[in-house]
PDB file of N, CA and C in Angstrom:
ATOM      1  N   UNK A   1      13.727 -91.515 132.839  1.00  0.00           N
ATOM      2  CA  UNK A   1      12.970 -90.286 132.675  1.00  0.00           C
ATOM      3  C   UNK A   1      12.060 -90.116 133.899  1.00  0.00           C
ATOM      4  N   UNK A   2      12.098 -88.938 134.514  1.00  0.00           N
ATOM      5  CA  UNK A   2      11.247 -88.753 135.689  1.00  0.00           C
ATOM      6  C   UNK A   2       9.836 -88.322 135.281  1.00  0.00           C
ATOM      7  N   UNK A   3       8.966 -88.360 136.254  1.00  0.00           N
ATOM      8  CA  UNK A   3       7.552 -88.098 135.968  1.00  0.00           C
ATOM      9  C   UNK A   3       7.289 -86.693 135.458  1.00  0.00           C
ATOM     10  N   UNK A   4       8.019 -85.716 135.957  1.00  0.00           N
ATOM     11  CA  UNK A   4       7.797 -84.342 135.487  1.00  0.00           C
ATOM     12  C   UNK A   4       8.125 -84.205 134.003  1.00  0.00           C
ATOM     13  N   UNK A   5       9.142 -84.921 133.554  1.00  0.00           N
ATOM     14  CA  UNK A   5       9.471 -84.911 132.125  1.00  0.00           C
ATOM     15  C   UNK A   5       8.360 -85.588 131.324  1.00  0.00           C
ATOM     16  N   UNK A   6       7.838 -86.682 131.863  1.00  0.00           N
ATOM     17  CA  UNK A   6       6.753 -87.389 131.182  1.00  0.00           C
ATOM     18  C   UNK A   6       5.517 -86.501 131.096  1.00  0.00           C
ATOM     19  N   UNK A   7       5.191 -85.812 132.178  1.00  0.00           N
ATOM     20  CA  UNK A   7       4.043 -84.903 132.180  1.00  0.00           C
ATOM     21  C   UNK A   7       4.245 -83.796 131.153  1.00  0.00           C
ATOM     22  N   UNK A   8       5.458 -83.262 131.083  1.00  0.00           N
ATOM     23  CA  UNK A   8       5.758 -82.223 130.099  1.00  0.00           C
ATOM     24  C   UNK A   8       5.579 -82.744 128.673  1.00  0.00           C
ATOM     25  N   UNK A   9       6.076 -83.953 128.419  1.00  0.00           N
ATOM     26  CA  UNK A   9       5.920 -84.546 127.091  1.00  0.00           C
ATOM     27  C   UNK A   9       4.444 -84.773 126.761  1.00  0.00           C
ATOM     28  N   UNK A  10       3.682 -85.253 127.740  1.00  0.00           N
ATOM     29  CA  UNK A  10       2.256 -85.477 127.509  1.00  0.00           C
ATOM     30  C   UNK A  10       1.535 -84.155 127.248  1.00  0.00           C
ATOM     31  N   UNK A  11       1.941 -83.097 127.932  1.00  0.00           N
ATOM     32  CA  UNK A  11       1.346 -81.777 127.678  1.00  0.00           C
ATOM     33  C   UNK A  11       1.612 -81.335 126.245  1.00  0.00           C
ATOM     34  N   UNK A  12       2.818 -81.607 125.768  1.00  0.00           N
ATOM     35  CA  UNK A  12       3.149 -81.282 124.375  1.00  0.00           C
ATOM     36  C   UNK A  12       2.288 -82.090 123.407  1.00  0.00           C
ATOM     37  N   UNK A  13       2.108 -83.371 123.708  1.00  0.00           N
ATOM     38  CA  UNK A  13       1.279 -84.222 122.854  1.00  0.00           C
ATOM     39  C   UNK A  13      -0.154 -83.701 122.827  1.00  0.00           C
ATOM     40  N   UNK A  14      -0.660 -83.310 123.990  1.00  0.00           N
ATOM     41  CA  UNK A  14      -2.029 -82.785 124.079  1.00  0.00           C
ATOM     42  C   UNK A  14      -2.164 -81.529 123.213  1.00  0.00           C
ATOM     43  N   UNK A  15      -1.173 -80.644 123.313  1.00  0.00           N
ATOM     44  CA  UNK A  15      -1.222 -79.386 122.559  1.00  0.00           C
ATOM     45  C   UNK A  15      -1.105 -79.593 121.057  1.00  0.00           C
ATOM     46  N   UNK A  16      -0.375 -80.632 120.649  1.00  0.00           N
ATOM     47  CA  UNK A  16      -0.105 -80.837 119.231  1.00  0.00           C
ATOM     48  C   UNK A  16      -0.852 -82.029 118.632  1.00  0.00           C
ATOM     49  N   UNK A  17      -1.769 -82.606 119.386  1.00  0.00           N
ATOM     50  CA  UNK A  17      -2.465 -83.813 118.925  1.00  0.00           C
ATOM     51  C   UNK A  17      -3.192 -83.578 117.610  1.00  0.00           C
ATOM     52  N   UNK A  18      -3.080 -84.563 116.743  1.00  0.00           N
ATOM     53  CA  UNK A  18      -3.719 -84.495 115.433  1.00  0.00           C
ATOM     54  C   UNK A  18      -5.155 -85.000 115.461  1.00  0.00           C
ATOM     55  N   UNK A  19      -5.440 -85.888 116.422  1.00  0.00           N
ATOM     56  CA  UNK A  19      -6.780 -86.468 116.504  1.00  0.00           C
ATOM     57  C   UNK A  19      -7.303 -86.368 117.932  1.00  0.00           C
ATOM     58  N   UNK A  20      -8.628 -86.375 118.079  1.00  0.00           N
ATOM     59  CA  UNK A  20      -9.200 -86.341 119.425  1.00  0.00           C
ATOM     60  C   UNK A  20      -8.772 -87.535 120.288  1.00  0.00           C
ATOM     61  N   UNK A  21      -8.606 -88.698 119.674  1.00  0.00           N
ATOM     62  CA  UNK A  21      -8.214 -89.873 120.456  1.00  0.00           C
ATOM     63  C   UNK A  21      -6.791 -89.740 120.999  1.00  0.00           C
ATOM     64  N   UNK A  22      -5.888 -89.143 120.218  1.00  0.00           N
ATOM     65  CA  UNK A  22      -4.528 -88.884 120.703  1.00  0.00           C
ATOM     66  C   UNK A  22      -4.570 -87.968 121.923  1.00  0.00           C
ATOM     67  N   UNK A  23      -5.364 -86.916 121.798  1.00  0.00           N
ATOM     68  CA  UNK A  23      -5.479 -85.942 122.883  1.00  0.00           C
ATOM     69  C   UNK A  23      -6.089 -86.577 124.129  1.00  0.00           C
ATOM     70  N   UNK A  24      -7.129 -87.378 123.952  1.00  0.00           N
ATOM     71  CA  UNK A  24      -7.782 -88.041 125.082  1.00  0.00           C
ATOM     72  C   UNK A  24      -6.841 -89.015 125.762  1.00  0.00           C
ATOM     73  N   UNK A  25      -6.096 -89.794 124.979  1.00  0.00           N
ATOM     74  CA  UNK A  25      -5.170 -90.774 125.536  1.00  0.00           C
ATOM     75  C   UNK A  25      -4.070 -90.080 126.342  1.00  0.00           C
ATOM     76  N   UNK A  26      -3.474 -89.040 125.782  1.00  0.00           N
ATOM     77  CA  UNK A  26      -2.415 -88.302 126.483  1.00  0.00           C
ATOM     78  C   UNK A  26      -2.954 -87.632 127.742  1.00  0.00           C
ATOM     79  N   UNK A  27      -4.161 -87.092 127.659  1.00  0.00           N
ATOM     80  CA  UNK A  27      -4.782 -86.453 128.829  1.00  0.00           C
ATOM     81  C   UNK A  27      -5.025 -87.473 129.933  1.00  0.00           C
ATOM     82  N   UNK A  28      -5.514 -88.641 129.556  1.00  0.00           N
ATOM     83  CA  UNK A  28      -5.792 -89.690 130.547  1.00  0.00           C
ATOM     84  C   UNK A  28      -4.500 -90.148 131.231  1.00  0.00           C
ATOM     85  N   UNK A  29      -3.446 -90.325 130.452  1.00  0.00           N
ATOM     86  CA  UNK A  29      -2.159 -90.737 131.025  1.00  0.00           C
ATOM     87  C   UNK A  29      -1.612 -89.658 131.961  1.00  0.00           C
ATOM     88  N   UNK A  30      -1.728 -88.412 131.541  1.00  0.00           N
ATOM     89  CA  UNK A  30      -1.238 -87.302 132.365  1.00  0.00           C
ATOM     90  C   UNK A  30      -2.013 -87.236 133.682  1.00  0.00           C
ATOM     91  N   UNK A  31      -3.329 -87.347 133.618  1.00  0.00           N
ATOM     92  CA  UNK A  31      -4.147 -87.301 134.835  1.00  0.00           C
ATOM     93  C   UNK A  31      -3.846 -88.472 135.762  1.00  0.00           C
ATOM     94  N   UNK A  32      -3.571 -89.645 135.204  1.00  0.00           N
ATOM     95  CA  UNK A  32      -3.249 -90.811 136.027  1.00  0.00           C
ATOM     96  C   UNK A  32      -1.945 -90.580 136.781  1.00  0.00           C
ATOM     97  N   UNK A  33      -0.933 -90.064 136.101  1.00  0.00           N
ATOM     98  CA  UNK A  33       0.360 -89.806 136.742  1.00  0.00           C
ATOM     99  C   UNK A  33       0.209 -88.749 137.834  1.00  0.00           C
ATOM    100  N   UNK A  34      -0.519 -87.679 137.545  1.00  0.00           N
ATOM    101  CA  UNK A  34      -0.734 -86.626 138.544  1.00  0.00           C
ATOM    102  C   UNK A  34      -1.498 -87.183 139.738  1.00  0.00           C
ATOM    103  N   UNK A  35      -2.469 -88.043 139.482  1.00  0.00           N
ATOM    104  CA  UNK A  35      -3.217 -88.688 140.566  1.00  0.00           C
ATOM    105  C   UNK A  35      -2.320 -89.538 141.439  1.00  0.00           C
ATOM    106  N   UNK A  36      -1.427 -90.297 140.810  1.00  0.00           N
ATOM    107  CA  UNK A  36      -0.467 -91.096 141.583  1.00  0.00           C
ATOM    108  C   UNK A  36       0.408 -90.202 142.454  1.00  0.00           C
ATOM    109  N   UNK A  37       0.890 -89.115 141.881  1.00  0.00           N
ATOM    110  CA  UNK A  37       1.765 -88.214 142.625  1.00  0.00           C
ATOM    111  C   UNK A  37       1.027 -87.601 143.822  1.00  0.00           C
ATOM    112  N   UNK A  38      -0.225 -87.228 143.639  1.00  0.00           N
ATOM    113  CA  UNK A  38      -1.021 -86.672 144.740  1.00  0.00           C
ATOM    114  C   UNK A  38      -1.227 -87.703 145.845  1.00  0.00           C
ATOM    115  N   UNK A  39      -1.572 -88.933 145.461  1.00  0.00           N
ATOM    116  CA  UNK A  39      -1.775 -89.995 146.454  1.00  0.00           C
ATOM    117  C   UNK A  39      -0.482 -90.310 147.198  1.00  0.00           C
ATOM    118  N   UNK A  40       0.635 -90.334 146.485  1.00  0.00           N
ATOM    119  CA  UNK A  40       1.922 -90.596 147.131  1.00  0.00           C
ATOM    120  C   UNK A  40       2.198 -89.559 148.217  1.00  0.00           C
ATOM    121  N   UNK A  41       1.999 -88.300 147.895  1.00  0.00           N
ATOM    122  CA  UNK A  41       2.246 -87.229 148.862  1.00  0.00           C
ATOM    123  C   UNK A  41       1.302 -87.346 150.060  1.00  0.00           C
ATOM    124  N   UNK A  42       0.032 -87.653 149.796  1.00  0.00           N
ATOM    125  CA  UNK A  42      -0.939 -87.828 150.875  1.00  0.00           C
ATOM    126  C   UNK A  42      -0.521 -88.957 151.800  1.00  0.00           C
ATOM    127  N   UNK A  43      -0.128 -90.093 151.224  1.00  0.00           N
ATOM    128  CA  UNK A  43       0.290 -91.244 152.032  1.00  0.00           C
ATOM    129  C   UNK A  43       1.533 -90.903 152.849  1.00  0.00           C
ATOM    130  N   UNK A  44       2.514 -90.257 152.238  1.00  0.00           N
ATOM    131  CA  UNK A  44       3.722 -89.867 152.967  1.00  0.00           C
ATOM    132  C   UNK A  44       3.377 -88.970 154.150  1.00  0.00           C
ATOM    133  N   UNK A  45       2.481 -88.003 153.932  1.00  0.00           N
ATOM    134  CA  UNK A  45       2.079 -87.100 155.017  1.00  0.00           C
ATOM    135  C   UNK A  45       1.329 -87.831 156.120  1.00  0.00           C
ATOM    136  N   UNK A  46       0.428 -88.740 155.753  1.00  0.00           N
ATOM    137  CA  UNK A  46      -0.317 -89.498 156.758  1.00  0.00           C
ATOM    138  C   UNK A  46       0.608 -90.383 157.584  1.00  0.00           C
ATOM    139  N   UNK A  47       1.583 -90.993 156.945  1.00  0.00           N
ATOM    140  CA  UNK A  47       2.528 -91.851 157.658  1.00  0.00           C
ATOM    141  C   UNK A  47       3.334 -91.020 158.650  1.00  0.00           C
ATOM    142  N   UNK A  48       3.803 -89.859 158.245  1.00  0.00           N
ATOM    143  CA  UNK A  48       4.561 -88.991 159.152  1.00  0.00           C
ATOM    144  C   UNK A  48       3.681 -88.469 160.279  1.00  0.00           C
ATOM    145  N   UNK A  49       2.435 -88.133 159.972  1.00  0.00           N
ATOM    146  CA  UNK A  49       1.513 -87.619 160.978  1.00  0.00           C
ATOM    147  C   UNK A  49       1.277 -88.640 162.081  1.00  0.00           C
ATOM    148  N   UNK A  50       1.310 -89.920 161.736  1.00  0.00           N
ATOM    149  CA  UNK A  50       1.106 -91.004 162.704  1.00  0.00           C
ATOM    150  C   UNK A  50       2.360 -91.280 163.522  1.00  0.00           C
ATOM    151  N   UNK A  51       3.429 -90.507 163.292  1.00  0.00           N
ATOM    152  CA  UNK A  51       4.661 -90.704 164.052  1.00  0.00           C
ATOM    153  C   UNK A  51       5.484 -91.881 163.567  1.00  0.00           C
ATOM    154  N   UNK A  52       5.203 -92.323 162.368  1.00  0.00           N
ATOM    155  CA  UNK A  52       5.942 -93.440 161.795  1.00  0.00           C
ATOM    156  C   UNK A  52       7.194 -92.917 161.100  1.00  0.00           C
ATOM    157  N   UNK A  53       8.107 -93.816 160.718  1.00  0.00           N
ATOM    158  CA  UNK A  53       9.348 -93.369 160.082  1.00  0.00           C
ATOM    159  C   UNK A  53       9.090 -92.585 158.793  1.00  0.00           C
ATOM    160  N   UNK A  54       9.989 -91.639 158.530  1.00  0.00           N
ATOM    161  CA  UNK A  54       9.933 -90.897 157.273  1.00  0.00           C
ATOM    162  C   UNK A  54      10.004 -91.896 156.123  1.00  0.00           C
ATOM    163  N   UNK A  55       9.291 -91.598 155.048  1.00  0.00           N
ATOM    164  CA  UNK A  55       9.244 -92.561 153.954  1.00  0.00           C
ATOM    165  C   UNK A  55       9.121 -91.871 152.605  1.00  0.00           C
ATOM    166  N   UNK A  56       9.274 -92.690 151.561  1.00  0.00           N
ATOM    167  CA  UNK A  56       9.025 -92.266 150.197  1.00  0.00           C
ATOM    168  C   UNK A  56       8.086 -93.288 149.579  1.00  0.00           C
ATOM    169  N   UNK A  57       7.032 -92.822 148.929  1.00  0.00           N
ATOM    170  CA  UNK A  57       6.040 -93.705 148.330  1.00  0.00           C
ATOM    171  C   UNK A  57       6.083 -93.543 146.819  1.00  0.00           C
ATOM    172  N   UNK A  58       6.025 -94.659 146.110  1.00  0.00           N
ATOM    173  CA  UNK A  58       5.979 -94.648 144.653  1.00  0.00           C
ATOM    174  C   UNK A  58       4.880 -95.596 144.194  1.00  0.00           C
ATOM    175  N   UNK A  59       3.889 -95.057 143.494  1.00  0.00           N
ATOM    176  CA  UNK A  59       2.790 -95.854 142.971  1.00  0.00           C
ATOM    177  C   UNK A  59       3.018 -96.159 141.495  1.00  0.00           C
ATOM    178  N   UNK A  60       2.664 -97.375 141.119  1.00  0.00           N
ATOM    179  CA  UNK A  60       2.636 -97.767 139.720  1.00  0.00           C
ATOM    180  C   UNK A  60       1.281 -98.423 139.469  1.00  0.00           C
ATOM    181  N   UNK A  61       1.055 -98.857 138.252  1.00  0.00           N
ATOM    182  CA  UNK A  61      -0.202 -99.533 137.951  1.00  0.00           C
ATOM    183  C   UNK A  61      -0.347-100.836 138.732  1.00  0.00           C
ATOM    184  N   UNK A  62       0.769-101.477 139.067  1.00  0.00           N
ATOM    185  CA  UNK A  62       0.731-102.802 139.678  1.00  0.00           C
ATOM    186  C   UNK A  62       1.059-102.846 141.161  1.00  0.00           C
ATOM    187  N   UNK A  63       1.707-101.816 141.689  1.00  0.00           N
ATOM    188  CA  UNK A  63       2.175-101.897 143.072  1.00  0.00           C
ATOM    189  C   UNK A  63       2.300-100.514 143.694  1.00  0.00           C
ATOM    190  N   UNK A  64       2.397-100.527 145.025  1.00  0.00           N
ATOM    191  CA  UNK A  64       2.731 -99.331 145.789  1.00  0.00           C
ATOM    192  C   UNK A  64       3.989 -99.685 146.579  1.00  0.00           C
ATOM    193  N   UNK A  65       5.062 -98.980 146.318  1.00  0.00           N
ATOM    194  CA  UNK A  65       6.326 -99.216 147.009  1.00  0.00           C
ATOM    195  C   UNK A  65       6.522 -98.140 148.066  1.00  0.00           C
ATOM    196  N   UNK A  66       6.777 -98.583 149.297  1.00  0.00           N
ATOM    197  CA  UNK A  66       7.023 -97.668 150.398  1.00  0.00           C
ATOM    198  C   UNK A  66       8.421 -97.961 150.942  1.00  0.00           C
ATOM    199  N   UNK A  67       9.302 -96.983 150.835  1.00  0.00           N
ATOM    200  CA  UNK A  67      10.649 -97.127 151.368  1.00  0.00           C
ATOM    201  C   UNK A  67      10.733 -96.269 152.621  1.00  0.00           C
ATOM    202  N   UNK A  68      11.005 -96.937 153.754  1.00  0.00           N
ATOM    203  CA  UNK A  68      11.012 -96.213 155.029  1.00  0.00           C
ATOM    204  C   UNK A  68      12.438 -95.963 155.508  1.00  0.00           C
ATOM    205  N   UNK A  69      12.576 -94.895 156.275  1.00  0.00           N
ATOM    206  CA  UNK A  69      13.868 -94.466 156.791  1.00  0.00           C
ATOM    207  C   UNK A  69      14.038 -94.995 158.216  1.00  0.00           C
ATOM    208  N   UNK A  70      14.038 -96.317 158.335  1.00  0.00           N
ATOM    209  CA  UNK A  70      14.231 -96.956 159.640  1.00  0.00           C
ATOM    210  C   UNK A  70      14.817 -98.327 159.379  1.00  0.00           C
ATOM    211  N   UNK A  71      15.882 -98.647 160.087  1.00  0.00           N
ATOM    212  CA  UNK A  71      16.584 -99.892 159.802  1.00  0.00           C
ATOM    213  C   UNK A  71      15.764-101.128 160.163  1.00  0.00           C
ATOM    214  N   UNK A  72      15.203-101.163 161.335  1.00  0.00           N
ATOM    215  CA  UNK A  72      14.434-102.328 161.775  1.00  0.00           C
ATOM    216  C   UNK A  72      13.035-101.889 162.200  1.00  0.00           C
ATOM    217  N   UNK A  73      12.136-101.717 161.242  1.00  0.00           N
ATOM    218  CA  UNK A  73      10.779-101.290 161.618  1.00  0.00           C
ATOM    219  C   UNK A  73      10.070-102.374 162.433  1.00  0.00           C
ATOM    220  N   UNK A  74       9.224-101.939 163.342  1.00  0.00           N
ATOM    221  CA  UNK A  74       8.466-102.896 164.156  1.00  0.00           C
ATOM    222  C   UNK A  74       7.289-103.430 163.351  1.00  0.00           C
ATOM    223  N   UNK A  75       6.738-104.545 163.799  1.00  0.00           N
ATOM    224  CA  UNK A  75       5.555-105.098 163.141  1.00  0.00           C
ATOM    225  C   UNK A  75       4.399-104.105 163.226  1.00  0.00           C
ATOM    226  N   UNK A  76       4.337-103.359 164.327  1.00  0.00           N
ATOM    227  CA  UNK A  76       3.296-102.345 164.489  1.00  0.00           C
ATOM    228  C   UNK A  76       3.442-101.243 163.429  1.00  0.00           C
ATOM    229  N   UNK A  77       4.688-100.796 163.197  1.00  0.00           N
ATOM    230  CA  UNK A  77       4.942 -99.789 162.151  1.00  0.00           C
ATOM    231  C   UNK A  77       4.478-100.296 160.792  1.00  0.00           C
ATOM    232  N   UNK A  78       4.855-101.528 160.483  1.00  0.00           N
ATOM    233  CA  UNK A  78       4.504-102.125 159.186  1.00  0.00           C
ATOM    234  C   UNK A  78       2.986-102.225 159.039  1.00  0.00           C
ATOM    235  N   UNK A  79       2.320-102.689 160.089  1.00  0.00           N
ATOM    236  CA  UNK A  79       0.861-102.839 160.038  1.00  0.00           C
ATOM    237  C   UNK A  79       0.173-101.494 159.832  1.00  0.00           C
ATOM    238  N   UNK A  80       0.646-100.455 160.497  1.00  0.00           N
ATOM    239  CA  UNK A  80       0.059 -99.127 160.341  1.00  0.00           C
ATOM    240  C   UNK A  80       0.270 -98.589 158.928  1.00  0.00           C
ATOM    241  N   UNK A  81       1.448 -98.840 158.382  1.00  0.00           N
ATOM    242  CA  UNK A  81       1.739 -98.378 157.016  1.00  0.00           C
ATOM    243  C   UNK A  81       0.839 -99.106 156.018  1.00  0.00           C
ATOM    244  N   UNK A  82       0.716-100.439 156.171  1.00  0.00           N
ATOM    245  CA  UNK A  82      -0.192-101.191 155.298  1.00  0.00           C
ATOM    246  C   UNK A  82      -1.601-100.631 155.382  1.00  0.00           C
ATOM    247  N   UNK A  83      -2.066-100.353 156.598  1.00  0.00           N
ATOM    248  CA  UNK A  83      -3.427 -99.835 156.789  1.00  0.00           C
ATOM    249  C   UNK A  83      -3.622 -98.510 156.063  1.00  0.00           C
ATOM    250  N   UNK A  84      -2.679 -97.600 156.203  1.00  0.00           N
ATOM    251  CA  UNK A  84      -2.769 -96.288 155.544  1.00  0.00           C
ATOM    252  C   UNK A  84      -2.779 -96.451 154.031  1.00  0.00           C
ATOM    253  N   UNK A  85      -1.856 -97.242 153.510  1.00  0.00           N
ATOM    254  CA  UNK A  85      -1.746 -97.406 152.058  1.00  0.00           C
ATOM    255  C   UNK A  85      -3.000 -98.075 151.492  1.00  0.00           C
ATOM    256  N   UNK A  86      -3.484 -99.126 152.148  1.00  0.00           N
ATOM    257  CA  UNK A  86      -4.681 -99.813 151.654  1.00  0.00           C
ATOM    258  C   UNK A  86      -5.891 -98.885 151.682  1.00  0.00           C
ATOM    259  N   UNK A  87      -6.024 -98.123 152.756  1.00  0.00           N
ATOM    260  CA  UNK A  87      -7.161 -97.212 152.885  1.00  0.00           C
ATOM    261  C   UNK A  87      -7.119 -96.115 151.820  1.00  0.00           C
ATOM    262  N   UNK A  88      -5.958 -95.560 151.557  1.00  0.00           N
ATOM    263  CA  UNK A  88      -5.831 -94.443 150.620  1.00  0.00           C
ATOM    264  C   UNK A  88      -5.861 -94.863 149.151  1.00  0.00           C
ATOM    265  N   UNK A  89      -5.417 -96.088 148.864  1.00  0.00           N
ATOM    266  CA  UNK A  89      -5.332 -96.513 147.468  1.00  0.00           C
ATOM    267  C   UNK A  89      -6.401 -97.518 147.073  1.00  0.00           C
ATOM    268  N   UNK A  90      -7.002 -98.184 148.053  1.00  0.00           N
ATOM    269  CA  UNK A  90      -7.967 -99.234 147.745  1.00  0.00           C
ATOM    270  C   UNK A  90      -7.313-100.512 147.260  1.00  0.00           C
ATOM    271  N   UNK A  91      -6.024-100.605 147.385  1.00  0.00           N
ATOM    272  CA  UNK A  91      -5.297-101.792 146.926  1.00  0.00           C
ATOM    273  C   UNK A  91      -5.145-102.798 148.058  1.00  0.00           C
ATOM    274  N   UNK A  92      -4.977-104.062 147.674  1.00  0.00           N
ATOM    275  CA  UNK A  92      -4.798-105.120 148.670  1.00  0.00           C
ATOM    276  C   UNK A  92      -3.342-105.164 149.130  1.00  0.00           C
ATOM    277  N   UNK A  93      -3.108-105.870 150.222  1.00  0.00           N
ATOM    278  CA  UNK A  93      -1.760-105.972 150.791  1.00  0.00           C
ATOM    279  C   UNK A  93      -0.775-106.607 149.818  1.00  0.00           C
ATOM    280  N   UNK A  94      -1.266-107.484 148.936  1.00  0.00           N
ATOM    281  CA  UNK A  94      -0.375-108.148 147.985  1.00  0.00           C
ATOM    282  C   UNK A  94       0.292-107.160 147.036  1.00  0.00           C
ATOM    283  N   UNK A  95      -0.330-106.021 146.800  1.00  0.00           N
ATOM    284  CA  UNK A  95       0.211-105.034 145.890  1.00  0.00           C
ATOM    285  C   UNK A  95       1.025-103.948 146.569  1.00  0.00           C
ATOM    286  N   UNK A  96       1.329-104.152 147.858  1.00  0.00           N
ATOM    287  CA  UNK A  96       2.075-103.146 148.624  1.00  0.00           C
ATOM    288  C   UNK A  96       3.416-103.738 149.050  1.00  0.00           C
ATOM    289  N   UNK A  97       4.485-103.018 148.764  1.00  0.00           N
ATOM    290  CA  UNK A  97       5.828-103.455 149.125  1.00  0.00           C
ATOM    291  C   UNK A  97       6.413-102.415 150.075  1.00  0.00           C
ATOM    292  N   UNK A  98       6.766-102.884 151.284  1.00  0.00           N
ATOM    293  CA  UNK A  98       7.389-101.999 152.274  1.00  0.00           C
ATOM    294  C   UNK A  98       8.810-102.479 152.481  1.00  0.00           C
ATOM    295  N   UNK A  99       9.750-101.547 152.330  1.00  0.00           N
ATOM    296  CA  UNK A  99      11.156-101.905 152.484  1.00  0.00           C
ATOM    297  C   UNK A  99      11.894-100.801 153.216  1.00  0.00           C
ATOM    298  N   UNK A 100      12.975-101.188 153.870  1.00  0.00           N
ATOM    299  CA  UNK A 100      13.829-100.222 154.553  1.00  0.00           C
ATOM    300  C   UNK A 100      14.889 -99.741 153.576  1.00  0.00           C
ATOM    301  N   UNK A 101      15.279 -98.490 153.687  1.00  0.00           N
ATOM    302  CA  UNK A 101      16.323 -97.985 152.790  1.00  0.00           C
ATOM    303  C   UNK A 101      17.704 -98.439 153.230  1.00  0.00           C
ATOM    304  N   UNK A 102      17.799 -99.109 154.368  1.00  0.00           N
ATOM    305  CA  UNK A 102      19.095 -99.587 154.879  1.00  0.00           C
ATOM    306  C   UNK A 102      19.390-100.992 154.427  1.00  0.00           C
TER     307      UNK A 102
END
């Protein structure tokens, strides 16, 4: 199930919630997913702006996965990507996974 479907389902739960706690929980989950999506787009744009390889970013509660469109990225590319991701997410390097799509 993709995130847009999850957001749609959460919107339905919010609209039909029987209790305030149900509504609050669904709202919090929806806002977290939207926040992740916004940060992913920001990171992708910053990476491209720096002249680094095109990439796709996916955030979860435990990790940030960056898949780059370059077969053999340089150590400099990797270091710059780590710097951008850490700065934008506040996460440590241990929670960041950078991989090539090749």
